[in-house]
Structure formats: structure tokens, C-alpha cells
Amino acid sequence: MLFTLDGETFELTPELVRARLSGVAPENIQQYWAEVDGVRWPVKQVISLATGVRERQRFQSQSARRWLARLGFTIGRDDMAVPPAARCTAAKRPASAPAITAPRLRPDVVLIGCVKSKLRHGAAAKDLYVSDYFAKMRGYAEATGLPWFILSAEHGLASPDDWLEPYERYLPDTPREYRRAWGEQVVSQLRQAAGPLDGLVLDIHAGAAYVDAVEAALRGSSARVSDQLQGLTFGRRLSWYRQHQGAHATSEQAIISQLRDPALVMTLEEVLASRGGGLHAGGMYSWWVDEAGAAELRGGLGQQM
């Protein structure tokens, strides 16, 4: 498994993790643990030993849990194991083949491509593009309930509410060097908007030039690309969006299940240590407080907690 931490790429295997833990005693478990050959270890201690990264503030417990779960280790909290997320094993492919993730993987972020038809004046990015096709992509992205962004050939990554002026640039018509730099810009902007990209699945709805540029910039990281509409004609793409209208209108129970998922929980210390990484995107969050904290929120917000 490959992942990137502060620009440094690491490759871990279950065997390597076991070897790095050999001869070391587990520290006291504060909350989350990983079970390795019947022994429970603090998740951040395992990643620190396996990678040689001593400064544990460089990564979050949530990331450590995700990486170790992907390696097949059981993750738990207190006295209970956390149910593993659904995993998909990718088939081996030639080195030159694009790293396209199976669409069954649950995406974390949706990226949709820009189109030629635009308003004649500036507008919020989500309103600037006026084609029916863009409307269908936007409808799909909004219905997923996930953070979503627009891939602009001129501006790189644009949030839906970013103010943009009309432009004429079309990515497939640009030189290869421009597309390479554009892809790197998009990944950098996405990291700033969504936090660490390690392990994230990007659901991209755009032309091949856009997908290829982003994918090339992600090589060496553990972020993965899902191009569900790859190879489909324009007509079949329109049909796909019609079939998927409302399919991602997540039920209340599904949302509640995500908010209650112990694998997604972060302690206050972890939130502070992350400096808000991954929390700058729109979405639904649940916050757990004790009685004293609830009383303070009631007084400050004037709402029942």
C-alpha cells in the first residue's frame, strides 16, 4: 500500500508492519487500537514504527486507522472492534494503464468538468455553466451529499460558490506542459480545500483530458480516481445521469449511520492537531459534547442541546 505524508511517499505491507513491531512493547492505548497477531497496539504507535516517522503530530489517528484497516488489520475502540469498511481489491494492471478505481468504491469527493456554454457575465461557478449536460452533472454531485468541486480549464479547482468570469480555455486544446501543471494545481487546491488526500476516492465526471491530468498529478499518493463514465458516448452519459437522478439522495438512516460510524470519529485533540484539515468543505458533521458543554452551547446558541 502506498500513501503520502507531507509530500513523502511510504509503502507498507502487513509483513513490514509486523517486522517493525518486533521487539517493541505496545504503549498504553488511549482510545483506538490495531490488533496485530493477537496483540493490540495504539494505531499511531504502529504507523510511527512502521514508517519511522517519530513526530506523530504529522498524521492523525483517523488516517492511521484508515491505513491499517486497508492493510487488513482489525481496528477497534475501547473494547469493541470497528466494523471494516467495504474494500475492493484491484486487479493487477500494466504500469502504463490508468489507475482507475472500481466504481463500487464509495467516493469521498465529486469533481465535475467545466463546459463551453457559459453566461456572458461573471457568476458563482455552479451557475456560470449553462448547458443541460452540466446541469445533470451538478444535479448528480449535489445529490450525493458529498463535497463537490468544478474542474475549470482556466482556474483549476473551483468551489461551487467561487465567483468566476467567463473564459474560453478548453483543456484538450492546451499544450501537454500546461495540462501537467494544471493537474498539479488542481491537486494542490484540492488538498487545501479538503485536507489530506491519502486514501480518498475522487469521483470524477469530466473528459479524458481532465481525468488524465488529475490522475497523473496524484501518482505516488494513495488517493484513487473513479471514472464511472469512462468510454461512454455523450448520449450514454446523458442516459446514465437520467438513470441516477435521485439515486444518491441519501436516506436519513444512511446519513445517521455515517455520523455514528466510529471509524470517522475524531477526538478534540485530533481536531486541534489537524488545524482543521478536512473540515473546510461543506458537509454534515456531528459533534459530541458532555453535559457541561451542552449547557454552554444552549446558552450561546439559544437552542436546545
Protein backbone atom coordinates (compact mmCIF):
# COMPACT_ATOMS: atom_id res chain seq x y z
CA MET A 1 0.00 0.00 0.00
CA LEU A 2 1.32 3.43 -1.00
CA PHE A 3 0.45 6.67 0.74
CA THR A 4 1.93 10.14 1.02
CA LEU A 5 2.62 12.04 4.23
CA ASP A 6 3.77 15.67 3.99
CA GLY A 7 5.00 15.02 0.46
CA GLU A 8 6.95 11.88 1.48
CA THR A 9 5.80 8.59 -0.04
CA PHE A 10 5.66 5.41 2.03
CA GLU A 11 4.93 1.83 1.06
CA LEU A 12 3.68 -0.56 3.72
CA THR A 13 2.79 -4.23 3.72
CA PRO A 14 1.41 -6.34 6.58
CA GLU A 15 4.73 -8.19 6.72
CA LEU A 16 6.72 -4.96 7.01
CA VAL A 17 4.46 -3.72 9.81
CA ARG A 18 4.94 -6.95 11.74
CA ALA A 19 8.71 -6.77 11.27
CA ARG A 20 8.87 -3.16 12.53
CA LEU A 21 6.85 -4.05 15.64
CA SER A 22 9.09 -6.97 16.51
CA GLY A 23 10.92 -6.48 19.79
CA VAL A 24 8.89 -3.39 20.76
CA ALA A 25 6.34 -3.25 23.55
CA PRO A 26 2.90 -1.72 22.94
CA GLU A 27 2.25 1.60 24.65
CA ASN A 28 -0.87 2.29 26.69
CA ILE A 29 -3.93 2.54 24.49
CA GLN A 30 -5.77 5.82 24.90
CA GLN A 31 -8.68 5.06 22.60
CA TYR A 32 -8.13 3.39 19.22
CA TRP A 33 -6.10 0.23 18.67
CA ALA A 34 -4.98 -2.09 15.88
CA GLU A 35 -4.67 -5.81 16.50
CA VAL A 36 -1.51 -7.38 15.11
CA ASP A 37 -1.15 -11.13 15.62
CA GLY A 38 -3.41 -11.05 18.67
CA VAL A 39 -1.77 -8.03 20.31
CA ARG A 40 -3.46 -4.63 20.49
CA TRP A 41 -1.38 -1.56 19.72
CA PRO A 42 -2.16 2.19 19.66
CA VAL A 43 -2.76 2.97 15.99
CA LYS A 44 -0.39 5.94 15.88
CA GLN A 45 2.40 3.92 17.50
CA VAL A 46 2.05 1.28 14.77
CA ILE A 47 2.29 3.82 11.95
CA SER A 48 5.16 5.62 13.67
CA LEU A 49 7.17 2.41 14.00
CA ALA A 50 6.25 1.13 10.54
CA THR A 51 7.22 4.34 8.75
CA GLY A 52 9.98 5.60 11.04
CA VAL A 53 8.10 8.89 11.47
CA ARG A 54 8.73 9.85 15.08
CA GLU A 55 6.77 13.11 15.02
CA ARG A 56 3.30 11.62 15.43
CA GLN A 57 1.66 15.02 15.16
CA ARG A 58 2.41 14.78 11.43
CA PHE A 59 -0.54 12.41 10.98
CA GLN A 60 -3.95 11.94 12.53
CA SER A 61 -5.35 8.92 14.31
CA GLN A 62 -8.10 8.81 11.70
CA SER A 63 -5.54 8.45 8.90
CA ALA A 64 -3.62 5.79 10.84
CA ARG A 65 -6.81 3.79 11.32
CA ARG A 66 -7.65 4.02 7.63
CA TRP A 67 -4.19 2.91 6.52
CA LEU A 68 -4.06 -0.03 8.92
CA ALA A 69 -7.58 -1.14 8.00
CA ARG A 70 -6.56 -1.15 4.34
CA LEU A 71 -3.68 -3.46 5.27
CA GLY A 72 -6.18 -5.89 6.76
CA PHE A 73 -5.61 -5.28 10.47
CA THR A 74 -8.55 -5.21 12.86
CA ILE A 75 -9.22 -1.72 14.22
CA GLY A 76 -11.05 -1.14 17.48
CA ARG A 77 -12.02 1.44 20.03
CA ASP A 78 -12.01 0.72 23.76
CA ASP A 79 -13.26 -2.89 23.98
CA MET A 80 -15.01 -3.12 20.62
CA ALA A 81 -13.77 -3.73 17.11
CA VAL A 82 -14.79 -1.20 14.49
CA PRO A 83 -16.63 -2.83 11.56
CA PRO A 84 -14.35 -2.64 8.50
CA ALA A 85 -15.41 -0.52 5.56
CA ALA A 86 -16.15 -2.34 2.34
CA ARG A 87 -12.94 -2.93 0.47
CA CYS A 88 -12.31 -3.68 -3.18
CA THR A 89 -9.21 -5.49 -4.40
CA ALA A 90 -7.96 -4.05 -7.66
CA ALA A 91 -6.71 -6.40 -10.34
CA LYS A 92 -3.08 -6.09 -11.38
CA ARG A 93 -2.56 -3.91 -14.46
CA PRO A 94 0.34 -2.82 -16.66
CA ALA A 95 2.34 0.12 -15.36
CA SER A 96 1.13 2.22 -18.28
CA ALA A 97 -2.56 1.57 -17.60
CA PRO A 98 -4.55 4.32 -15.87
CA ALA A 99 -5.20 3.76 -12.17
CA ILE A 100 -8.99 3.81 -12.37
CA THR A 101 -10.77 2.74 -9.21
CA ALA A 102 -13.70 0.37 -9.41
CA PRO A 103 -16.86 2.47 -9.25
CA ARG A 104 -18.23 0.39 -6.37
CA LEU A 105 -15.85 2.13 -4.00
CA ARG A 106 -17.63 4.80 -2.01
CA PRO A 107 -16.35 8.21 -3.16
CA ASP A 108 -15.29 10.96 -0.77
CA VAL A 109 -15.29 13.93 -3.18
CA VAL A 110 -17.03 14.59 -6.50
CA LEU A 111 -15.30 16.56 -9.27
CA ILE A 112 -17.22 17.65 -12.38
CA GLY A 113 -15.79 19.17 -15.54
CA CYS A 114 -16.48 22.62 -16.95
CA VAL A 115 -18.28 23.06 -20.27
CA LYS A 116 -18.09 25.54 -23.16
CA SER A 117 -21.53 27.12 -22.73
CA LYS A 118 -21.30 29.92 -20.17
CA LEU A 119 -23.06 33.09 -19.13
CA ARG A 120 -21.74 36.30 -20.69
CA HIS A 121 -21.05 37.76 -17.26
CA GLY A 122 -19.43 36.66 -14.03
CA ALA A 123 -21.31 34.35 -11.66
CA ALA A 124 -20.83 31.73 -8.98
CA ALA A 125 -19.04 28.78 -10.56
CA LYS A 126 -22.04 26.50 -10.12
CA ASP A 127 -24.19 28.98 -12.11
CA LEU A 128 -21.64 30.09 -14.74
CA TYR A 129 -22.01 26.99 -16.92
CA VAL A 130 -25.41 26.81 -18.59
CA SER A 131 -25.56 23.59 -20.63
CA ASP A 132 -28.07 20.84 -19.88
CA TYR A 133 -25.18 18.40 -19.55
CA PHE A 134 -23.53 20.50 -16.84
CA ALA A 135 -26.88 20.77 -15.05
CA LYS A 136 -27.08 16.98 -14.96
CA MET A 137 -23.53 16.68 -13.59
CA ARG A 138 -24.25 19.34 -10.98
CA GLY A 139 -27.50 17.63 -10.00
CA TYR A 140 -25.67 14.35 -9.52
CA ALA A 141 -22.90 15.99 -7.46
CA GLU A 142 -25.35 17.81 -5.20
CA ALA A 143 -27.49 14.71 -4.73
CA THR A 144 -24.55 12.68 -3.41
CA GLY A 145 -24.31 14.95 -0.36
CA LEU A 146 -20.52 14.86 -0.72
CA PRO A 147 -18.15 17.83 -1.07
CA TRP A 148 -18.00 18.69 -4.77
CA PHE A 149 -15.92 20.97 -6.96
CA ILE A 150 -15.67 22.06 -10.58
CA LEU A 151 -12.64 21.37 -12.76
CA SER A 152 -12.07 24.62 -14.64
CA ALA A 153 -9.62 24.64 -17.55
CA GLU A 154 -8.81 28.26 -16.67
CA HIS A 155 -8.83 28.28 -12.87
CA GLY A 156 -8.04 24.69 -11.85
CA LEU A 157 -10.30 23.65 -8.97
CA ALA A 158 -13.29 25.88 -8.25
CA SER A 159 -15.70 25.62 -5.34
CA PRO A 160 -19.36 25.89 -6.37
CA ASP A 161 -19.67 29.38 -4.86
CA ASP A 162 -16.38 30.78 -6.21
CA TRP A 163 -17.01 33.84 -8.40
CA LEU A 164 -15.72 33.26 -11.92
CA GLU A 165 -15.71 35.37 -15.07
CA PRO A 166 -16.41 33.75 -18.46
CA TYR A 167 -13.39 32.30 -20.27
CA GLU A 168 -12.66 30.39 -23.46
CA ARG A 169 -9.88 27.98 -22.48
CA TYR A 170 -10.52 24.33 -23.36
CA LEU A 171 -8.15 21.87 -21.68
CA PRO A 172 -7.79 19.35 -24.56
CA ASP A 173 -6.54 22.22 -26.77
CA THR A 174 -3.76 23.21 -24.36
CA PRO A 175 -0.12 22.02 -24.58
CA ARG A 176 0.94 18.96 -22.63
CA GLU A 177 3.02 21.05 -20.21
CA TYR A 178 0.00 23.22 -19.41
CA ARG A 179 -2.10 20.14 -18.66
CA ARG A 180 0.63 18.75 -16.41
CA ALA A 181 0.91 22.00 -14.44
CA TRP A 182 -2.90 22.28 -14.38
CA GLY A 183 -3.24 18.82 -12.84
CA GLU A 184 -0.70 19.64 -10.14
CA GLN A 185 -2.54 22.90 -9.43
CA VAL A 186 -5.84 21.04 -9.05
CA VAL A 187 -4.35 18.54 -6.60
CA SER A 188 -2.76 21.34 -4.58
CA GLN A 189 -6.06 23.26 -4.47
CA LEU A 190 -7.96 20.12 -3.52
CA ARG A 191 -5.56 19.44 -0.67
CA GLN A 192 -6.14 22.96 0.63
CA ALA A 193 -9.91 22.62 0.32
CA ALA A 194 -10.43 19.07 1.57
CA GLY A 195 -7.35 18.36 3.70
CA PRO A 196 -5.05 15.32 3.34
CA LEU A 197 -5.86 13.27 0.25
CA ASP A 198 -4.40 9.96 1.46
CA GLY A 199 -6.88 7.16 0.82
CA LEU A 200 -9.55 9.44 -0.66
CA VAL A 201 -11.62 8.30 -3.62
CA LEU A 202 -12.26 11.04 -6.17
CA ASP A 203 -15.39 10.55 -8.28
CA ILE A 204 -14.54 12.48 -11.46
CA HIS A 205 -17.12 13.35 -14.10
CA ALA A 206 -15.19 15.03 -16.90
CA GLY A 207 -13.48 14.39 -20.20
CA ALA A 208 -10.39 12.24 -20.55
CA ALA A 209 -8.00 15.23 -20.66
CA TYR A 210 -9.23 16.36 -17.23
CA VAL A 211 -9.19 12.90 -15.69
CA ASP A 212 -5.74 12.07 -17.06
CA ALA A 213 -4.20 15.32 -15.80
CA VAL A 214 -5.57 14.89 -12.28
CA GLU A 215 -4.64 11.23 -12.19
CA ALA A 216 -1.06 11.95 -13.29
CA ALA A 217 -0.69 14.54 -10.51
CA LEU A 218 -1.93 12.01 -7.94
CA ARG A 219 0.64 9.33 -8.79
CA GLY A 220 2.68 8.49 -5.73
CA SER A 221 -0.23 9.18 -3.38
CA SER A 222 -2.84 6.73 -2.13
CA ALA A 223 -5.73 8.85 -3.43
CA ARG A 224 -7.73 6.98 -6.04
CA VAL A 225 -9.74 8.03 -9.07
CA SER A 226 -13.15 6.68 -10.03
CA ASP A 227 -14.14 7.45 -13.64
CA GLN A 228 -17.53 5.77 -13.79
CA LEU A 229 -18.38 7.07 -17.25
CA GLN A 230 -15.07 6.18 -18.92
CA GLY A 231 -15.57 5.19 -22.55
CA LEU A 232 -19.26 6.10 -22.71
CA THR A 233 -20.57 8.15 -25.62
CA PHE A 234 -22.17 11.53 -24.93
CA GLY A 235 -25.64 10.03 -25.38
CA ARG A 236 -24.94 7.19 -22.97
CA ARG A 237 -23.55 9.66 -20.45
CA LEU A 238 -26.80 11.63 -20.57
CA SER A 239 -28.71 8.38 -20.12
CA TRP A 240 -26.54 7.48 -17.12
CA TYR A 241 -27.36 10.75 -15.37
CA ARG A 242 -31.08 10.30 -16.05
CA GLN A 243 -30.91 6.83 -14.52
CA HIS A 244 -29.02 8.12 -11.50
CA GLN A 245 -31.21 11.12 -10.77
CA GLY A 246 -32.12 10.87 -7.12
CA ALA A 247 -30.16 7.64 -6.72
CA HIS A 248 -27.83 9.41 -4.35
CA ALA A 249 -30.50 11.26 -2.42
CA THR A 250 -29.20 9.70 0.75
CA SER A 251 -31.80 8.47 3.18
CA GLU A 252 -31.93 9.87 6.69
CA GLN A 253 -30.90 6.47 8.06
CA ALA A 254 -27.81 6.38 5.79
CA ILE A 255 -26.76 9.84 6.95
CA ILE A 256 -27.25 8.89 10.58
CA SER A 257 -25.20 5.73 10.05
CA GLN A 258 -22.31 7.77 8.66
CA LEU A 259 -22.46 10.21 11.54
CA ARG A 260 -22.39 7.33 14.01
CA ASP A 261 -19.55 5.47 12.29
CA PRO A 262 -16.81 5.09 14.96
CA ALA A 263 -14.13 4.91 12.27
CA LEU A 264 -14.86 8.54 11.34
CA VAL A 265 -14.70 9.88 14.88
CA MET A 266 -12.00 12.40 15.85
CA THR A 267 -11.27 13.49 19.39
CA LEU A 268 -10.98 17.19 20.22
CA GLU A 269 -7.21 16.76 20.49
CA GLU A 270 -7.07 15.29 16.99
CA VAL A 271 -9.21 18.09 15.58
CA LEU A 272 -6.92 20.70 17.12
CA ALA A 273 -3.81 18.87 15.94
CA SER A 274 -5.18 18.72 12.38
CA ARG A 275 -5.68 22.51 12.32
CA GLY A 276 -8.99 21.95 10.63
CA GLY A 277 -7.63 19.69 7.89
CA GLY A 278 -10.55 18.10 6.04
CA LEU A 279 -13.12 20.26 7.83
CA HIS A 280 -13.13 23.19 5.43
CA ALA A 281 -15.55 21.59 2.98
CA GLY A 282 -19.31 21.70 3.08
CA GLY A 283 -21.00 18.66 4.59
CA MET A 284 -22.79 17.32 7.62
CA TYR A 285 -20.89 16.88 10.87
CA SER A 286 -21.92 15.58 14.28
CA TRP A 287 -20.33 16.87 17.47
CA TRP A 288 -20.41 15.04 20.78
CA VAL A 289 -20.22 17.07 23.97
CA ASP A 290 -20.63 16.37 27.67
CA GLU A 291 -23.38 17.91 29.81
CA ALA A 292 -21.31 20.98 30.67
CA GLY A 293 -20.51 21.56 27.01
CA ALA A 294 -24.17 21.12 26.04
CA ALA A 295 -25.14 23.74 28.63
CA GLU A 296 -22.63 26.20 27.18
CA LEU A 297 -23.94 25.58 23.66
CA ARG A 298 -27.54 26.09 24.83
CA GLY A 299 -26.59 29.45 26.29
CA GLY A 300 -24.52 30.56 23.32
CA LEU A 301 -26.82 29.37 20.51
CA GLY A 302 -30.15 29.66 22.24
CA GLN A 303 -31.02 26.15 21.04
CA GLN A 304 -31.87 23.02 22.96
CA MET A 305 -28.92 20.60 23.08
